[in-house]
N, C-alpha and C. Protein backbone atom coordinates (compact mmCIF):
# COMPACT_ATOMS: atom_id res chain seq x y z
N MET A 1 9.35 0.88 -21.99
CA MET A 1 10.26 1.63 -22.15
C MET A 1 10.55 1.27 -23.79
N ALA A 2 11.20 2.29 -24.64
CA ALA A 2 11.48 2.12 -25.78
C ALA A 2 12.88 1.43 -25.88
N GLY A 3 12.86 0.51 -27.43
CA GLY A 3 14.15 -0.25 -27.22
C GLY A 3 14.97 0.41 -28.31
N ILE A 4 16.36 0.33 -28.11
CA ILE A 4 17.55 0.75 -28.56
C ILE A 4 16.87 0.94 -30.25
N GLY A 5 17.42 1.89 -30.81
CA GLY A 5 16.62 1.99 -32.07
C GLY A 5 15.71 3.03 -32.53
N SER A 6 15.02 3.08 -31.38
CA SER A 6 13.52 3.78 -31.06
C SER A 6 13.60 5.45 -31.24
N ARG A 7 13.02 5.89 -32.06
CA ARG A 7 12.53 7.45 -32.22
C ARG A 7 11.92 7.96 -30.92
N ILE A 8 12.86 9.13 -30.65
CA ILE A 8 12.35 9.50 -29.29
C ILE A 8 11.86 11.13 -29.76
N ASP A 9 10.82 11.31 -29.15
CA ASP A 9 10.26 12.89 -29.19
C ASP A 9 9.30 12.91 -27.63
N GLU A 10 9.92 13.73 -27.05
CA GLU A 10 9.85 13.76 -25.60
C GLU A 10 9.90 15.27 -25.22
N THR A 11 9.38 15.89 -24.27
CA THR A 11 9.44 16.62 -23.56
C THR A 11 9.59 16.94 -22.02
N GLY A 12 10.61 17.62 -21.73
CA GLY A 12 11.05 18.03 -20.18
C GLY A 12 11.93 19.14 -19.79
N THR A 13 12.53 19.04 -18.72
CA THR A 13 13.61 20.02 -18.68
C THR A 13 14.88 19.72 -18.80
N LEU A 14 15.78 20.49 -19.69
CA LEU A 14 16.91 20.32 -20.36
C LEU A 14 18.10 20.60 -18.85
N LEU A 15 18.78 19.70 -18.36
CA LEU A 15 19.71 19.96 -17.43
C LEU A 15 21.25 19.64 -17.70
N ARG A 16 22.01 20.69 -17.16
CA ARG A 16 23.54 20.40 -17.15
C ARG A 16 24.07 19.55 -16.41
N VAL A 17 24.64 18.43 -16.67
CA VAL A 17 25.23 17.23 -15.56
C VAL A 17 26.05 16.70 -15.96
N ALA A 18 27.28 16.98 -14.92
CA ALA A 18 28.58 16.05 -15.27
C ALA A 18 29.41 16.20 -16.63
N GLY A 19 29.52 17.57 -16.73
CA GLY A 19 29.77 17.75 -18.08
C GLY A 19 29.10 17.41 -19.51
N GLY A 20 28.06 17.03 -19.44
CA GLY A 20 26.97 17.06 -20.37
C GLY A 20 25.53 17.46 -19.90
N PHE A 21 24.64 16.49 -20.69
CA PHE A 21 23.30 17.38 -20.84
C PHE A 21 22.53 15.85 -20.54
N ALA A 22 21.43 16.36 -19.63
CA ALA A 22 20.35 15.41 -19.68
C ALA A 22 18.67 15.77 -19.65
N LEU A 23 17.76 15.15 -19.86
CA LEU A 23 16.28 15.67 -20.32
C LEU A 23 15.56 15.12 -18.93
N ARG A 24 15.10 15.79 -17.81
CA ARG A 24 14.51 15.05 -16.96
C ARG A 24 12.94 14.98 -17.65
N ARG A 25 12.72 14.06 -17.93
CA ARG A 25 11.27 13.56 -18.78
C ARG A 25 10.08 14.16 -17.75
N ASP A 26 9.14 14.63 -18.91
CA ASP A 26 7.81 14.86 -18.04
C ASP A 26 7.33 13.64 -17.57
N VAL A 27 7.26 12.51 -17.80
CA VAL A 27 6.75 11.04 -17.80
C VAL A 27 7.32 10.59 -16.49
N GLY A 28 8.44 11.35 -15.97
CA GLY A 28 9.15 10.65 -14.69
C GLY A 28 10.86 9.71 -15.77
N GLY A 29 11.80 9.91 -14.77
CA GLY A 29 13.08 9.76 -15.30
C GLY A 29 13.71 10.58 -16.18
N ARG A 30 15.03 10.20 -16.54
CA ARG A 30 15.79 11.04 -17.49
C ARG A 30 16.80 10.33 -18.48
N TRP A 31 17.00 11.19 -19.58
CA TRP A 31 17.59 10.35 -20.26
C TRP A 31 18.81 11.33 -20.92
N ARG A 32 19.94 10.70 -20.72
CA ARG A 32 21.27 11.27 -21.00
C ARG A 32 21.21 11.67 -22.33
N LEU A 33 21.90 12.59 -22.53
CA LEU A 33 22.06 13.27 -24.18
C LEU A 33 23.07 13.46 -24.92
N ASP A 34 22.95 12.89 -25.95
CA ASP A 34 24.28 13.24 -26.76
C ASP A 34 24.26 14.21 -27.88
N LEU A 35 24.47 15.37 -27.80
CA LEU A 35 24.53 16.37 -28.60
C LEU A 35 25.37 17.05 -29.54
N ARG A 36 24.89 17.19 -30.55
CA ARG A 36 26.03 17.84 -31.67
C ARG A 36 26.41 19.40 -31.41
N ARG A 37 25.31 20.08 -30.89
CA ARG A 37 25.28 21.61 -30.77
C ARG A 37 25.15 21.60 -29.11
N THR A 38 25.74 22.54 -28.55
CA THR A 38 25.51 23.02 -27.14
C THR A 38 24.52 24.02 -26.81
N PRO A 39 22.99 23.40 -26.51
CA PRO A 39 22.15 24.26 -26.33
C PRO A 39 22.07 25.29 -25.18
N VAL A 40 23.01 26.25 -25.11
CA VAL A 40 23.04 26.63 -23.73
C VAL A 40 21.98 28.02 -23.63
N ASP A 41 21.25 28.26 -24.48
CA ASP A 41 20.11 28.87 -24.27
C ASP A 41 19.05 28.13 -23.87
N HIS A 42 18.86 26.96 -23.95
CA HIS A 42 17.90 26.29 -23.15
C HIS A 42 18.01 25.29 -22.06
N VAL A 43 19.43 25.73 -21.40
CA VAL A 43 19.29 24.78 -19.80
C VAL A 43 18.59 25.30 -19.10
N GLU A 44 17.89 24.30 -18.20
CA GLU A 44 17.21 24.77 -17.00
C GLU A 44 15.58 25.29 -17.47
N LYS A 45 15.52 25.09 -18.54
CA LYS A 45 14.43 25.41 -19.40
C LYS A 45 13.90 24.12 -20.08
N ARG A 46 12.31 24.39 -20.48
CA ARG A 46 11.26 23.48 -20.94
C ARG A 46 11.67 23.15 -22.13
N VAL A 47 11.91 21.76 -22.72
CA VAL A 47 12.35 21.78 -24.11
C VAL A 47 11.52 20.53 -24.68
N ARG A 48 11.47 20.31 -25.94
CA ARG A 48 11.20 19.22 -26.44
C ARG A 48 12.23 18.80 -27.51
N ILE A 49 12.64 17.42 -27.19
CA ILE A 49 14.06 16.84 -27.75
C ILE A 49 13.34 15.59 -28.98
N THR A 50 13.93 15.59 -29.75
CA THR A 50 13.90 14.84 -30.83
C THR A 50 15.34 13.73 -31.21
N GLY A 51 14.93 12.81 -31.46
CA GLY A 51 16.38 11.51 -31.52
C GLY A 51 16.12 10.29 -31.62
N ILE A 52 17.33 9.69 -31.54
CA ILE A 52 17.08 8.11 -31.29
C ILE A 52 17.75 7.48 -30.14
N LEU A 53 17.25 6.35 -29.59
CA LEU A 53 17.69 5.86 -28.65
C LEU A 53 18.82 5.01 -29.20
N VAL A 54 19.96 5.49 -28.63
CA VAL A 54 21.53 4.86 -28.85
C VAL A 54 22.23 3.83 -27.77
N GLY A 55 21.24 3.91 -26.48
CA GLY A 55 22.24 2.97 -25.50
C GLY A 55 20.61 2.86 -24.36
N GLU A 56 21.13 2.44 -23.23
CA GLU A 56 20.01 2.10 -22.29
C GLU A 56 19.38 3.40 -22.28
N ASP A 57 19.94 4.30 -21.81
CA ASP A 57 19.03 5.90 -21.36
C ASP A 57 19.85 6.71 -22.50
N LEU A 58 20.61 6.61 -23.27
CA LEU A 58 21.34 7.46 -23.79
C LEU A 58 20.15 8.18 -25.60
N VAL A 59 20.29 9.20 -25.65
CA VAL A 59 19.41 9.50 -26.85
C VAL A 59 20.59 10.56 -27.80
N GLU A 60 20.64 10.13 -28.87
CA GLU A 60 21.38 10.63 -29.77
C GLU A 60 20.52 11.52 -30.76
N VAL A 61 20.66 13.24 -29.60
CA VAL A 61 19.59 14.11 -30.22
C VAL A 61 20.12 14.80 -31.71
N ASP A 62 18.80 14.85 -32.42
CA ASP A 62 19.09 15.46 -33.93
C ASP A 62 17.90 16.90 -33.63
N GLY A 63 17.32 17.21 -32.68
CA GLY A 63 16.59 18.50 -32.56
C GLY A 63 16.10 18.52 -31.01
N VAL A 64 16.61 20.13 -30.30
CA VAL A 64 16.17 20.79 -29.31
C VAL A 64 15.53 21.96 -29.58
N ALA A 65 14.53 22.28 -29.31
CA ALA A 65 13.68 23.38 -28.96
C ALA A 65 12.72 23.79 -27.63
N PRO A 66 12.58 24.93 -27.86
CA PRO A 66 11.65 25.21 -26.73
C PRO A 66 10.63 24.44 -26.57
N GLU A 67 9.95 24.20 -25.87
CA GLU A 67 8.52 23.40 -25.55
C GLU A 67 7.45 24.53 -26.16
N ILE A 68 6.49 23.96 -27.02
CA ILE A 68 5.18 25.17 -27.14
C ILE A 68 4.13 24.59 -26.57
N THR A 69 3.57 25.28 -25.92
CA THR A 69 2.48 25.21 -25.30
C THR A 69 1.24 26.20 -25.89
N ALA A 70 0.04 25.42 -25.59
CA ALA A 70 -1.11 26.21 -26.45
C ALA A 70 -1.24 27.68 -25.75
N ALA A 71 -1.54 28.47 -26.86
CA ALA A 71 -1.99 29.88 -25.66
C ALA A 71 -2.97 29.86 -25.45
N PRO A 72 -3.61 30.80 -24.45
CA PRO A 72 -4.65 31.06 -23.95
C PRO A 72 -5.71 31.88 -24.94
N PRO A 73 -6.95 31.44 -24.67
CA PRO A 73 -8.26 32.17 -25.68
C PRO A 73 -8.08 33.90 -25.60
N GLY A 74 -8.17 34.09 -26.40
CA GLY A 74 -8.18 35.73 -26.59
C GLY A 74 -7.01 36.20 -26.73
N ASN A 75 -5.96 35.40 -27.38
CA ASN A 75 -4.35 36.03 -27.44
C ASN A 75 -4.57 36.95 -28.54
N GLY A 76 -5.26 37.14 -29.64
CA GLY A 76 -5.07 37.99 -30.82
C GLY A 76 -5.08 36.63 -31.93
N LEU A 77 -5.16 35.66 -31.85
CA LEU A 77 -5.24 34.91 -32.99
C LEU A 77 -6.03 34.11 -33.46
N GLY A 78 -7.36 35.21 -33.46
CA GLY A 78 -8.33 35.20 -34.31
C GLY A 78 -9.44 35.27 -33.62
N GLU A 79 -9.85 34.84 -32.29
CA GLU A 79 -11.15 34.76 -31.56
C GLU A 79 -11.36 36.22 -31.08
N ASP A 80 -12.36 36.62 -31.00
CA ASP A 80 -12.84 38.10 -30.69
C ASP A 80 -13.43 37.87 -29.51
N THR A 81 -12.67 38.55 -28.42
CA THR A 81 -13.07 38.83 -27.14
C THR A 81 -13.50 39.88 -26.89
N ARG A 82 -14.32 40.91 -27.56
CA ARG A 82 -14.71 42.25 -26.96
C ARG A 82 -16.15 41.82 -26.76
N THR A 83 -16.40 42.68 -25.76
CA THR A 83 -17.71 42.54 -25.19
C THR A 83 -18.70 43.53 -25.67
N ASP A 84 -18.18 44.49 -26.39
CA ASP A 84 -19.26 45.43 -27.22
C ASP A 84 -19.74 45.28 -28.43
N ALA A 85 -19.27 44.01 -28.87
CA ALA A 85 -19.89 43.72 -30.15
C ALA A 85 -21.18 42.94 -30.16
């Protein structure tokens, strides 16, 4: 496990718990989150958080964003999927 002061960059599901927020981590377990802003649009959704571990299971978060996943092939990002070419 990361030590206090370590930089955290993880993905998981953002949860609202006991008047605060937590990240259900993809690698297992949870981080309690100390957030400057309330990310209401991301609750119960897949997110990526960045921040600093400031306690045994507490992350001081400096960024919350929707998780970005790889797009499937043939999605208009430069791959030609036409069969008549």
